[in-house]
C-alpha atoms as a PDB file:
ATOM      1  CA  MET A   1       0.000   0.000   0.000  1.00  0.00           C
ATOM      2  CA  ARG A   2       1.204   3.516  -0.802  1.00  0.00           C
ATOM      3  CA  TYR A   3       0.471   5.673   2.211  1.00  0.00           C
ATOM      4  CA  ILE A   4      -0.815   9.227   1.902  1.00  0.00           C
ATOM      5  CA  GLN A   5       2.365  10.542   3.498  1.00  0.00           C
ATOM      6  CA  GLU A   6       4.326   9.101   0.542  1.00  0.00           C
ATOM      7  CA  LEU A   7       2.218  10.669  -2.231  1.00  0.00           C
ATOM      8  CA  LYS A   8       3.895  13.216  -4.514  1.00  0.00           C
ATOM      9  CA  GLU A   9       2.532  15.555  -7.174  1.00  0.00           C
ATOM     10  CA  GLY A  10       2.020  13.713 -10.465  1.00  0.00           C
ATOM     11  CA  ALA A  11       1.900  10.261  -8.879  1.00  0.00           C
ATOM     12  CA  ALA A  12      -0.697   7.756 -10.047  1.00  0.00           C
ATOM     13  CA  VAL A  13      -2.975   6.457  -7.286  1.00  0.00           C
ATOM     14  CA  LYS A  14      -4.371   2.928  -7.432  1.00  0.00           C
ATOM     15  CA  ASP A  15      -5.079   1.821  -3.894  1.00  0.00           C
ATOM     16  CA  VAL A  16      -7.659   1.515  -1.133  1.00  0.00           C
ATOM     17  CA  TYR A  17      -8.246   4.392   1.285  1.00  0.00           C
ATOM     18  CA  LEU A  18     -10.814   5.131   3.955  1.00  0.00           C
ATOM     19  CA  CYS A  19     -13.320   7.783   2.917  1.00  0.00           C
ATOM     20  CA  LYS A  20     -13.438  10.133   5.895  1.00  0.00           C
ATOM     21  CA  GLN A  21     -15.842  12.629   4.308  1.00  0.00           C
ATOM     22  CA  LYS A  22     -17.805  12.994   1.082  1.00  0.00           C
ATOM     23  CA  ASN A  23     -19.830  16.096   0.256  1.00  0.00           C
ATOM     24  CA  ALA A  24     -21.530  17.329  -2.899  1.00  0.00           C
ATOM     25  CA  ALA A  25     -20.608  20.820  -4.136  1.00  0.00           C
ATOM     26  CA  THR A  26     -21.176  23.002  -7.182  1.00  0.00           C
ATOM     27  CA  THR A  27     -18.696  24.908  -9.355  1.00  0.00           C
ATOM     28  CA  LYS A  28     -19.220  28.544 -10.314  1.00  0.00           C
ATOM     29  CA  ASN A  29     -20.593  27.251 -13.625  1.00  0.00           C
ATOM     30  CA  GLY A  30     -23.226  25.173 -11.852  1.00  0.00           C
ATOM     31  CA  LYS A  31     -21.612  21.778 -12.383  1.00  0.00           C
ATOM     32  CA  GLU A  32     -21.851  19.313  -9.507  1.00  0.00           C
ATOM     33  CA  TYR A  33     -18.725  17.644  -8.099  1.00  0.00           C
ATOM     34  CA  TYR A  34     -17.723  15.846  -4.902  1.00  0.00           C
ATOM     35  CA  ASN A  35     -15.319  16.929  -2.191  1.00  0.00           C
ATOM     36  CA  VAL A  36     -13.781  13.833  -0.634  1.00  0.00           C
ATOM     37  CA  ILE A  37     -11.309  13.402   2.213  1.00  0.00           C
ATOM     38  CA  LEU A  38      -9.252  10.210   2.062  1.00  0.00           C
ATOM     39  CA  GLN A  39      -7.504   8.834   5.128  1.00  0.00           C
ATOM     40  CA  ASP A  40      -4.949   6.258   6.163  1.00  0.00           C
ATOM     41  CA  LYS A  41      -2.825   5.922   9.293  1.00  0.00           C
ATOM     42  CA  THR A  42      -0.316   8.514   8.026  1.00  0.00           C
ATOM     43  CA  GLY A  43      -2.848  11.306   7.541  1.00  0.00           C
ATOM     44  CA  THR A  44      -5.520  12.665   5.201  1.00  0.00           C
ATOM     45  CA  ILE A  45      -5.632  14.195   1.741  1.00  0.00           C
ATOM     46  CA  ASP A  46      -8.315  16.167  -0.105  1.00  0.00           C
ATOM     47  CA  ALA A  47      -9.717  14.618  -3.255  1.00  0.00           C
ATOM     48  CA  LYS A  48     -12.153  15.683  -5.990  1.00  0.00           C
ATOM     49  CA  ILE A  49     -14.539  13.830  -8.245  1.00  0.00           C
ATOM     50  CA  TRP A  50     -15.163  16.212 -11.115  1.00  0.00           C
ATOM     51  CA  ASP A  51     -17.070  13.832 -13.388  1.00  0.00           C
ATOM     52  CA  THR A  52     -19.828  12.623 -11.081  1.00  0.00           C
ATOM     53  CA  GLY A  53     -21.687  10.900 -13.914  1.00  0.00           C
ATOM     54  CA  SER A  54     -18.780   8.735 -15.021  1.00  0.00           C
ATOM     55  CA  PHE A  55     -19.394   4.970 -15.187  1.00  0.00           C
ATOM     56  CA  GLY A  56     -16.134   4.594 -13.291  1.00  0.00           C
ATOM     57  CA  ILE A  57     -17.567   6.286 -10.192  1.00  0.00           C
ATOM     58  CA  ALA A  58     -19.597   3.809  -8.172  1.00  0.00           C
ATOM     59  CA  GLU A  59     -21.661   4.691  -5.091  1.00  0.00           C
ATOM     60  CA  PHE A  60     -19.745   5.015  -1.810  1.00  0.00           C
ATOM     61  CA  GLU A  61     -20.196   6.951   1.408  1.00  0.00           C
ATOM     62  CA  ALA A  62     -18.207   8.294   4.336  1.00  0.00           C
ATOM     63  CA  HIS A  63     -16.532   5.520   6.390  1.00  0.00           C
ATOM     64  CA  ASP A  64     -16.414   3.169   3.396  1.00  0.00           C
ATOM     65  CA  TYR A  65     -13.096   1.663   2.324  1.00  0.00           C
ATOM     66  CA  VAL A  66     -12.802   2.781  -1.287  1.00  0.00           C
ATOM     67  CA  PHE A  67     -10.588   1.651  -4.143  1.00  0.00           C
ATOM     68  CA  ILE A  68      -9.310   4.828  -5.809  1.00  0.00           C
ATOM     69  CA  ASN A  69      -7.869   5.258  -9.285  1.00  0.00           C
ATOM     70  CA  GLY A  70      -6.627   8.780  -9.849  1.00  0.00           C
ATOM     71  CA  GLU A  71      -3.733  11.197  -9.921  1.00  0.00           C
ATOM     72  CA  VAL A  72      -2.089  13.461  -7.342  1.00  0.00           C
ATOM     73  CA  THR A  73      -2.261  17.128  -8.301  1.00  0.00           C
ATOM     74  CA  SER A  74      -1.477  20.379  -6.482  1.00  0.00           C
ATOM     75  CA  PHE A  75      -3.850  23.265  -5.755  1.00  0.00           C
ATOM     76  CA  ASN A  76      -2.812  26.389  -3.846  1.00  0.00           C
ATOM     77  CA  GLY A  77       0.304  24.599  -2.668  1.00  0.00           C
ATOM     78  CA  ALA A  78      -1.538  21.597  -1.231  1.00  0.00           C
ATOM     79  CA  LEU A  79      -1.717  18.106  -2.678  1.00  0.00           C
ATOM     80  CA  GLN A  80      -5.035  16.617  -3.682  1.00  0.00           C
ATOM     81  CA  VAL A  81      -6.220  13.577  -5.615  1.00  0.00           C
ATOM     82  CA  ASN A  82      -8.164  13.859  -8.855  1.00  0.00           C
ATOM     83  CA  ILE A  83     -10.359  10.742  -8.709  1.00  0.00           C
ATOM     84  CA  ARG A  84     -11.220   9.111 -12.047  1.00  0.00           C
ATOM     85  CA  GLN A  85     -12.547   5.799 -10.726  1.00  0.00           C
ATOM     86  CA  ALA A  86     -13.885   4.780  -7.333  1.00  0.00           C
ATOM     87  CA  ARG A  87     -15.725   1.804  -5.856  1.00  0.00           C
ATOM     88  CA  VAL A  88     -16.280   0.273  -2.435  1.00  0.00           C
ATOM     89  CA  ALA A  89     -13.389  -2.109  -1.784  1.00  0.00           C
ATOM     90  CA  ASP A  90     -13.886  -5.800  -1.156  1.00  0.00           C
ATOM     91  CA  ALA A  91     -13.219  -6.955   2.413  1.00  0.00           C
ATOM     92  CA  GLY A  92     -10.057  -8.833   1.450  1.00  0.00           C
ATOM     93  CA  ASP A  93      -8.525  -5.808  -0.294  1.00  0.00           C
ATOM     94  CA  TYR A  94      -7.468  -3.915   2.829  1.00  0.00           C
ATOM     95  CA  ASN A  95      -6.215  -4.209   6.400  1.00  0.00           C
ATOM     96  CA  GLU A  96      -8.019  -1.912   8.857  1.00  0.00           C
ATOM     97  CA  GLY A  97      -4.761  -1.351  10.748  1.00  0.00           C
ATOM     98  CA  ASP A  98      -3.467   0.672   7.770  1.00  0.00           C
ATOM     99  CA  TYR A  99      -6.136   3.360   8.091  1.00  0.00           C
ATOM    100  CA  PHE A 100      -6.087   4.702  11.627  1.00  0.00           C
ATOM    101  CA  PRO A 101      -3.072   6.546  13.050  1.00  0.00           C
ATOM    102  CA  VAL A 102      -2.007   4.986  16.350  1.00  0.00           C
ATOM    103  CA  SER A 103       0.585   6.036  18.900  1.00  0.00           C
ATOM    104  CA  SER A 104       3.989   4.493  18.283  1.00  0.00           C
ATOM    105  CA  LYS A 105       4.112   3.782  22.022  1.00  0.00           C
ATOM    106  CA  ASN A 106       2.360   0.905  23.771  1.00  0.00           C
ATOM    107  CA  ILE A 107      -0.987   2.215  25.037  1.00  0.00           C
ATOM    108  CA  ASP A 108      -1.320  -0.212  27.956  1.00  0.00           C
ATOM    109  CA  GLU A 109       2.244   0.472  29.114  1.00  0.00           C
ATOM    110  CA  MET A 110       1.631   4.226  29.035  1.00  0.00           C
ATOM    111  CA  TYR A 111      -1.615   3.824  30.974  1.00  0.00           C
ATOM    112  CA  ASN A 112       0.063   1.681  33.624  1.00  0.00           C
ATOM    113  CA  GLU A 113       2.770   4.343  33.972  1.00  0.00           C
ATOM    114  CA  LEU A 114       0.061   6.966  34.499  1.00  0.00           C
ATOM    115  CA  LEU A 115      -1.593   4.739  37.131  1.00  0.00           C
ATOM    116  CA  GLY A 116       1.783   4.470  38.875  1.00  0.00           C
ATOM    117  CA  ILE A 117       1.932   8.250  39.164  1.00  0.00           C
ATOM    118  CA  ILE A 118      -1.627   8.376  40.514  1.00  0.00           C
ATOM    119  CA  ALA A 119      -0.772   5.734  43.139  1.00  0.00           C
ATOM    120  CA  LYS A 120       1.905   8.051  44.571  1.00  0.00           C
ATOM    121  CA  ILE A 121      -0.410  11.051  45.056  1.00  0.00           C
ATOM    122  CA  GLU A 122      -0.483  11.723  48.811  1.00  0.00           C
ATOM    123  CA  ASN A 123      -3.433  14.095  49.136  1.00  0.00           C
ATOM    124  CA  GLU A 124      -6.396  11.840  49.851  1.00  0.00           C
ATOM    125  CA  TYR A 125      -8.941  14.037  48.059  1.00  0.00           C
ATOM    126  CA  LEU A 126      -6.922  14.470  44.885  1.00  0.00           C
ATOM    127  CA  LYS A 127      -6.064  10.769  44.830  1.00  0.00           C
ATOM    128  CA  LYS A 128      -9.738   9.827  45.206  1.00  0.00           C
ATOM    129  CA  LEU A 129     -10.645  12.223  42.391  1.00  0.00           C
ATOM    130  CA  LEU A 130      -8.046  10.697  40.062  1.00  0.00           C
ATOM    131  CA  GLU A 131      -9.082   7.154  40.948  1.00  0.00           C
ATOM    132  CA  SER A 132     -12.733   8.010  40.278  1.00  0.00           C
ATOM    133  CA  PHE A 133     -11.758   8.712  36.658  1.00  0.00           C
ATOM    134  CA  PHE A 134      -8.759   6.518  35.894  1.00  0.00           C
ATOM    135  CA  VAL A 135      -9.472   3.433  38.040  1.00  0.00           C
ATOM    136  CA  GLU A 136     -13.214   3.220  38.625  1.00  0.00           C
ATOM    137  CA  ASP A 137     -14.863   4.744  35.526  1.00  0.00           C
ATOM    138  CA  LYS A 138     -14.536   1.962  32.940  1.00  0.00           C
ATOM    139  CA  ALA A 139     -16.323   3.867  30.162  1.00  0.00           C
ATOM    140  CA  PHE A 140     -14.076   6.885  30.662  1.00  0.00           C
ATOM    141  CA  ILE A 141     -10.937   4.711  30.726  1.00  0.00           C
ATOM    142  CA  GLU A 142     -11.820   3.009  27.441  1.00  0.00           C
ATOM    143  CA  ARG A 143     -12.517   6.316  25.713  1.00  0.00           C
ATOM    144  CA  PHE A 144      -9.456   8.026  27.203  1.00  0.00           C
ATOM    145  CA  LYS A 145      -7.170   5.300  25.842  1.00  0.00           C
ATOM    146  CA  LYS A 146      -8.672   5.573  22.342  1.00  0.00           C
ATOM    147  CA  SER A 147      -8.912   9.366  22.115  1.00  0.00           C
ATOM    148  CA  SER A 148      -6.626  11.688  20.199  1.00  0.00           C
ATOM    149  CA  ALA A 149      -5.332  14.915  21.727  1.00  0.00           C
ATOM    150  CA  ALA A 150      -6.370  17.011  18.712  1.00  0.00           C
ATOM    151  CA  LYS A 151      -8.054  16.815  15.350  1.00  0.00           C
ATOM    152  CA  SER A 152      -4.809  17.513  13.508  1.00  0.00           C
ATOM    153  CA  VAL A 153      -2.500  19.918  15.379  1.00  0.00           C
ATOM    154  CA  HIS A 154      -0.565  17.476  17.584  1.00  0.00           C
ATOM    155  CA  HIS A 155      -1.037  13.907  18.860  1.00  0.00           C
ATOM    156  CA  GLY A 156      -3.893  13.469  16.379  1.00  0.00           C
ATOM    157  CA  PHE A 157      -3.927   9.684  16.644  1.00  0.00           C
ATOM    158  CA  ILE A 158      -5.391   6.845  18.709  1.00  0.00           C
ATOM    159  CA  GLY A 159      -3.680   6.967  22.085  1.00  0.00           C
ATOM    160  CA  GLY A 160      -2.628  10.560  21.454  1.00  0.00           C
ATOM    161  CA  LEU A 161      -4.520  11.972  24.435  1.00  0.00           C
ATOM    162  CA  LEU A 162      -2.875   9.441  26.750  1.00  0.00           C
ATOM    163  CA  GLU A 163       0.590  10.032  25.259  1.00  0.00           C
ATOM    164  CA  HIS A 164       0.234  13.817  25.574  1.00  0.00           C
ATOM    165  CA  THR A 165      -1.178  13.607  29.105  1.00  0.00           C
ATOM    166  CA  LEU A 166       1.657  11.365  30.284  1.00  0.00           C
ATOM    167  CA  SER A 167       4.301  13.632  28.726  1.00  0.00           C
ATOM    168  CA  VAL A 168       2.818  16.764  30.304  1.00  0.00           C
ATOM    169  CA  THR A 169       2.567  15.022  33.675  1.00  0.00           C
ATOM    170  CA  LYS A 170       6.208  13.908  33.546  1.00  0.00           C
ATOM    171  CA  LEU A 171       7.343  17.427  32.611  1.00  0.00           C
ATOM    172  CA  CYS A 172       5.393  18.770  35.584  1.00  0.00           C
ATOM    173  CA  ALA A 173       6.985  16.147  37.840  1.00  0.00           C
ATOM    174  CA  TYR A 174      10.393  17.426  36.711  1.00  0.00           C
ATOM    175  CA  PHE A 175       9.369  21.016  37.493  1.00  0.00           C
ATOM    176  CA  CYS A 176       8.570  19.888  41.026  1.00  0.00           C
ATOM    177  CA  THR A 177      12.120  18.603  41.525  1.00  0.00           C
ATOM    178  CA  THR A 178      13.550  21.988  40.491  1.00  0.00           C
ATOM    179  CA  TYR A 179      10.969  24.327  42.052  1.00  0.00           C
ATOM    180  CA  PRO A 180      10.041  22.934  45.488  1.00  0.00           C
ATOM    181  CA  ALA A 181       7.515  25.734  46.067  1.00  0.00           C
ATOM    182  CA  LEU A 182       5.181  23.944  43.644  1.00  0.00           C
ATOM    183  CA  LYS A 183       2.415  21.907  45.276  1.00  0.00           C
ATOM    184  CA  LYS A 184       3.292  18.585  43.658  1.00  0.00           C
ATOM    185  CA  ASP A 185       0.002  16.749  44.202  1.00  0.00           C
ATOM    186  CA  LEU A 186      -2.027  19.684  42.899  1.00  0.00           C
ATOM    187  CA  LEU A 187       0.163  20.144  39.824  1.00  0.00           C
ATOM    188  CA  LEU A 188       0.294  16.461  38.892  1.00  0.00           C
ATOM    189  CA  THR A 189      -3.456  16.083  39.358  1.00  0.00           C
ATOM    190  CA  ALA A 190      -4.047  19.116  37.145  1.00  0.00           C
ATOM    191  CA  ALA A 191      -1.649  17.735  34.536  1.00  0.00           C
ATOM    192  CA  ILE A 192      -3.381  14.353  34.475  1.00  0.00           C
ATOM    193  CA  CYS A 193      -6.822  15.975  34.222  1.00  0.00           C
ATOM    194  CA  HIS A 194      -6.043  19.015  32.062  1.00  0.00           C
ATOM    195  CA  ASP A 195      -7.399  17.547  28.802  1.00  0.00           C
ATOM    196  CA  ILE A 196      -9.997  15.020  29.988  1.00  0.00           C
ATOM    197  CA  GLY A 197     -12.658  17.159  28.303  1.00  0.00           C
ATOM    198  CA  LYS A 198     -11.250  16.038  24.959  1.00  0.00           C
ATOM    199  CA  THR A 199     -12.888  12.654  25.517  1.00  0.00           C
ATOM    200  CA  LYS A 200     -16.134  14.540  24.871  1.00  0.00           C
ATOM    201  CA  GLU A 201     -14.897  17.325  22.598  1.00  0.00           C
ATOM    202  CA  LEU A 202     -13.644  14.962  19.869  1.00  0.00           C
ATOM    203  CA  SER A 203     -15.314  11.879  18.469  1.00  0.00           C
ATOM    204  CA  LEU A 204     -13.326   8.671  18.223  1.00  0.00           C
ATOM    205  CA  PHE A 205     -11.833   7.448  14.955  1.00  0.00           C
ATOM    206  CA  PRO A 206     -12.731   7.114  12.137  1.00  0.00           C
ATOM    207  CA  ASP A 207     -14.220  10.615  12.486  1.00  0.00           C
ATOM    208  CA  ASN A 208     -11.866  12.214  15.032  1.00  0.00           C
ATOM    209  CA  ASP A 209     -13.881  15.396  14.620  1.00  0.00           C
ATOM    210  CA  TYR A 210     -15.539  17.935  16.881  1.00  0.00           C
ATOM    211  CA  THR A 211     -18.774  16.814  18.484  1.00  0.00           C
ATOM    212  CA  ASP A 212     -21.718  19.185  18.795  1.00  0.00           C
ATOM    213  CA  GLU A 213     -20.911  19.642  22.482  1.00  0.00           C
ATOM    214  CA  GLY A 214     -17.260  20.139  21.612  1.00  0.00           C
ATOM    215  CA  ASN A 215     -18.096  22.934  19.188  1.00  0.00           C
ATOM    216  CA  LEU A 216     -20.471  24.579  21.646  1.00  0.00           C
ATOM    217  CA  LEU A 217     -18.405  24.360  24.834  1.00  0.00           C
ATOM    218  CA  GLY A 218     -14.861  23.130  24.158  1.00  0.00           C
ATOM    219  CA  HIS A 219     -12.706  20.771  26.197  1.00  0.00           C
ATOM    220  CA  ILE A 220     -11.668  23.288  28.863  1.00  0.00           C
ATOM    221  CA  VAL A 221     -15.246  23.967  29.940  1.00  0.00           C
ATOM    222  CA  MET A 222     -16.288  20.328  29.624  1.00  0.00           C
ATOM    223  CA  GLY A 223     -13.242  19.103  31.538  1.00  0.00           C
ATOM    224  CA  THR A 224     -13.946  21.531  34.364  1.00  0.00           C
ATOM    225  CA  GLU A 225     -17.557  20.324  34.486  1.00  0.00           C
ATOM    226  CA  MET A 226     -16.396  16.690  34.627  1.00  0.00           C
ATOM    227  CA  ILE A 227     -14.105  17.490  37.552  1.00  0.00           C
ATOM    228  CA  SER A 228     -16.873  19.387  39.364  1.00  0.00           C
ATOM    229  CA  ASP A 229     -19.245  16.434  38.960  1.00  0.00           C
ATOM    230  CA  LYS A 230     -16.734  14.013  40.479  1.00  0.00           C
ATOM    231  CA  ILE A 231     -15.808  16.394  43.307  1.00  0.00           C
ATOM    232  CA  ARG A 232     -19.460  16.605  44.372  1.00  0.00           C
ATOM    233  CA  GLU A 233     -19.369  12.832  44.940  1.00  0.00           C
ATOM    234  CA  ILE A 234     -16.347  13.016  47.290  1.00  0.00           C
ATOM    235  CA  PRO A 235     -17.369  13.909  50.867  1.00  0.00           C
ATOM    236  CA  ASN A 236     -15.691  16.953  52.416  1.00  0.00           C
ATOM    237  CA  PHE A 237     -13.553  17.773  49.376  1.00  0.00           C
ATOM    238  CA  PRO A 238     -11.870  21.069  50.393  1.00  0.00           C
ATOM    239  CA  PRO A 239     -13.460  23.978  48.478  1.00  0.00           C
ATOM    240  CA  VAL A 240     -10.202  25.928  48.231  1.00  0.00           C
ATOM    241  CA  LEU A 241      -8.390  22.902  46.781  1.00  0.00           C
ATOM    242  CA  ALA A 242     -11.253  22.360  44.308  1.00  0.00           C
ATOM    243  CA  GLY A 243     -10.997  25.980  43.189  1.00  0.00           C
ATOM    244  CA  GLU A 244      -7.218  25.784  42.738  1.00  0.00           C
ATOM    245  CA  LEU A 245      -7.467  22.595  40.700  1.00  0.00           C
ATOM    246  CA  LYS A 246     -10.197  23.967  38.455  1.00  0.00           C
ATOM    247  CA  HIS A 247      -8.238  27.189  37.980  1.00  0.00           C
ATOM    248  CA  CYS A 248      -5.288  25.172  36.662  1.00  0.00           C
ATOM    249  CA  ILE A 249      -7.615  23.505  34.153  1.00  0.00           C
ATOM    250  CA  VAL A 250      -9.308  26.691  32.920  1.00  0.00           C
ATOM    251  CA  ALA A 251      -5.959  28.516  32.651  1.00  0.00           C
ATOM    252  CA  HIS A 252      -3.854  25.813  31.002  1.00  0.00           C
ATOM    253  CA  HIS A 253      -3.864  27.452  27.543  1.00  0.00           C
ATOM    254  CA  GLY A 254      -2.214  30.460  29.125  1.00  0.00           C
ATOM    255  CA  LYS A 255      -3.925  33.338  27.333  1.00  0.00           C
ATOM    256  CA  LEU A 256      -7.496  34.432  26.694  1.00  0.00           C
ATOM    257  CA  GLU A 257      -6.868  34.511  22.945  1.00  0.00           C
ATOM    258  CA  PHE A 258      -5.751  30.871  23.104  1.00  0.00           C
ATOM    259  CA  GLY A 259      -9.058  29.778  24.600  1.00  0.00           C
ATOM    260  CA  SER A 260      -8.394  29.961  28.342  1.00  0.00           C
ATOM    261  CA  PRO A 261     -11.241  31.610  30.298  1.00  0.00           C
ATOM    262  CA  LYS A 262      -8.618  32.786  32.801  1.00  0.00           C
ATOM    263  CA  VAL A 263      -4.881  33.468  32.599  1.00  0.00           C
ATOM    264  CA  PRO A 264      -2.699  31.599  35.125  1.00  0.00           C
ATOM    265  CA  ALA A 265      -2.814  33.100  38.610  1.00  0.00           C
ATOM    266  CA  LEU A 266      -1.174  30.205  40.472  1.00  0.00           C
ATOM    267  CA  MET A 267       2.385  28.935  40.206  1.00  0.00           C
ATOM    268  CA  GLU A 268       1.004  25.478  39.407  1.00  0.00           C
ATOM    269  CA  ALA A 269      -1.152  26.893  36.607  1.00  0.00           C
ATOM    270  CA  VAL A 270       1.907  28.569  35.061  1.00  0.00           C
ATOM    271  CA  ALA A 271       3.870  25.315  35.220  1.00  0.00           C
ATOM    272  CA  LEU A 272       1.014  23.363  33.623  1.00  0.00           C
ATOM    273  CA  ASN A 273       0.635  25.922  30.836  1.00  0.00           C
ATOM    274  CA  TYR A 274       4.308  25.733  29.890  1.00  0.00           C
ATOM    275  CA  ALA A 275       4.436  21.935  30.090  1.00  0.00           C
ATOM    276  CA  ASP A 276       1.343  21.646  27.887  1.00  0.00           C
ATOM    277  CA  ASP A 277       2.668  24.165  25.361  1.00  0.00           C
ATOM    278  CA  ALA A 278       6.140  22.602  25.237  1.00  0.00           C
ATOM    279  CA  ASP A 279       4.848  19.080  24.638  1.00  0.00           C
ATOM    280  CA  ALA A 280       2.406  20.236  21.947  1.00  0.00           C
ATOM    281  CA  LYS A 281       5.014  22.240  20.019  1.00  0.00           C
ATOM    282  CA  LEU A 282       7.765  19.634  20.259  1.00  0.00           C
ATOM    283  CA  GLN A 283       5.291  17.032  19.027  1.00  0.00           C
ATOM    284  CA  MET A 284       4.479  19.302  16.071  1.00  0.00           C
ATOM    285  CA  PHE A 285       8.171  19.297  15.167  1.00  0.00           C
ATOM    286  CA  THR A 286       8.334  15.537  15.696  1.00  0.00           C
ATOM    287  CA  GLU A 287       5.499  15.023  13.227  1.00  0.00           C
ATOM    288  CA  ILE A 288       7.257  17.278  10.693  1.00  0.00           C
ATOM    289  CA  VAL A 289      10.402  15.150  11.075  1.00  0.00           C
ATOM    290  CA  ASN A 290       8.394  11.970  10.588  1.00  0.00           C
ATOM    291  CA  ARG A 291       6.812  13.080   7.337  1.00  0.00           C
ATOM    292  CA  THR A 292       9.740  14.622   5.487  1.00  0.00           C
ATOM    293  CA  ASP A 293      12.983  13.290   4.071  1.00  0.00           C
ATOM    294  CA  HIS A 294      14.800  16.622   3.753  1.00  0.00           C
ATOM    295  CA  TYR A 295      16.119  19.109   6.278  1.00  0.00           C
ATOM    296  CA  GLU A 296      15.696  22.387   4.417  1.00  0.00           C
ATOM    297  CA  TRP A 297      13.331  25.173   5.414  1.00  0.00           C
ATOM    298  CA  GLN A 298       9.825  23.768   5.728  1.00  0.00           C
ATOM    299  CA  GLY A 299       7.889  26.984   5.140  1.00  0.00           C
ATOM    300  CA  TYR A 300       5.803  29.109   7.473  1.00  0.00           C
ATOM    301  CA  ASN A 301       3.933  27.158  10.131  1.00  0.00           C
ATOM    302  CA  ARG A 302       0.933  29.108  11.382  1.00  0.00           C
ATOM    303  CA  LEU A 303       0.796  27.339  14.739  1.00  0.00           C
ATOM    304  CA  LEU A 304       4.502  27.648  15.432  1.00  0.00           C
ATOM    305  CA  GLU A 305       4.453  31.209  14.016  1.00  0.00           C
ATOM    306  CA  SER A 306       7.699  30.701  12.172  1.00  0.00           C
ATOM    307  CA  ASN A 307       9.296  29.450   8.976  1.00  0.00           C
ATOM    308  CA  VAL A 308      10.664  26.258  10.517  1.00  0.00           C
ATOM    309  CA  ARG A 309      13.760  24.250   9.628  1.00  0.00           C
ATOM    310  CA  LEU A 310      14.892  20.873  10.849  1.00  0.00           C
ATOM    311  CA  THR A 311      18.309  20.391  12.443  1.00  0.00           C
ATOM    312  CA  ARG A 312      21.136  19.340  10.097  1.00  0.00           C
ATOM    313  CA  GLY A 313      23.309  17.966  12.911  1.00  0.00           C
ATOM    314  CA  GLU A 314      25.291  14.761  12.445  1.00  0.00           C
END
């Protein structure tokens, strides 16, 4: 199979891909065509069916595995596939493992490492809160393990939310060894819980897209609500501690323009913000490294706010 990451302009395409989306559209001249998004485990690519009445275009829908015959072209600097023939693939023509991006790290091993961190939390209320999510809530655990951390920006793969959460938590643990004024249990609990709202904000694969609730509220609000619901079930949970934890969650994007309802006012909130931002941006670079075979300037990256280049070191 030729993966999407390997496609180049001018290449012929004759392979099976997952149809993530298919929508009818109309050109300025009134001619109908289809916008299609094809997916495999290395990413997605836009595709077009210009001749919708062609005998070579059979019926297929979103979430179908589709055999595609076409050509890779470029439009406005982005690759897309011009589809000439398409049909639903036969079951024996594909392996489902080729179509969903999955963390390169072992999901169960990462989860057990996270549980090991939770087991060492000393504050009884914070430990009970964490256990109510990550030990006792089986539905939450299953979804958390399968969720991505983003639609496309960073850790946009199965297990991505877990991988990102563990990395942020370990960075925060390091901060605690260097800055003893940090309340370790509070910071680690906030790190472990900072993105739990993404289990509701984003649907699971194959969609990995924003839910209605995700579009309306976002993961910061939903995560804070989830924490509040669990806290109400824990007798005598200290109100001040609850407020500090929720502040860390609502402030973890750092700035109002980045989606945080509040900017960090606690030392622990500052630490969480920087750990979250560092892991996200370094993962962005990691994904650039993984999809390119040259180390020249990569062009302007809107999210990194720079024309980025990969290191040429030996």
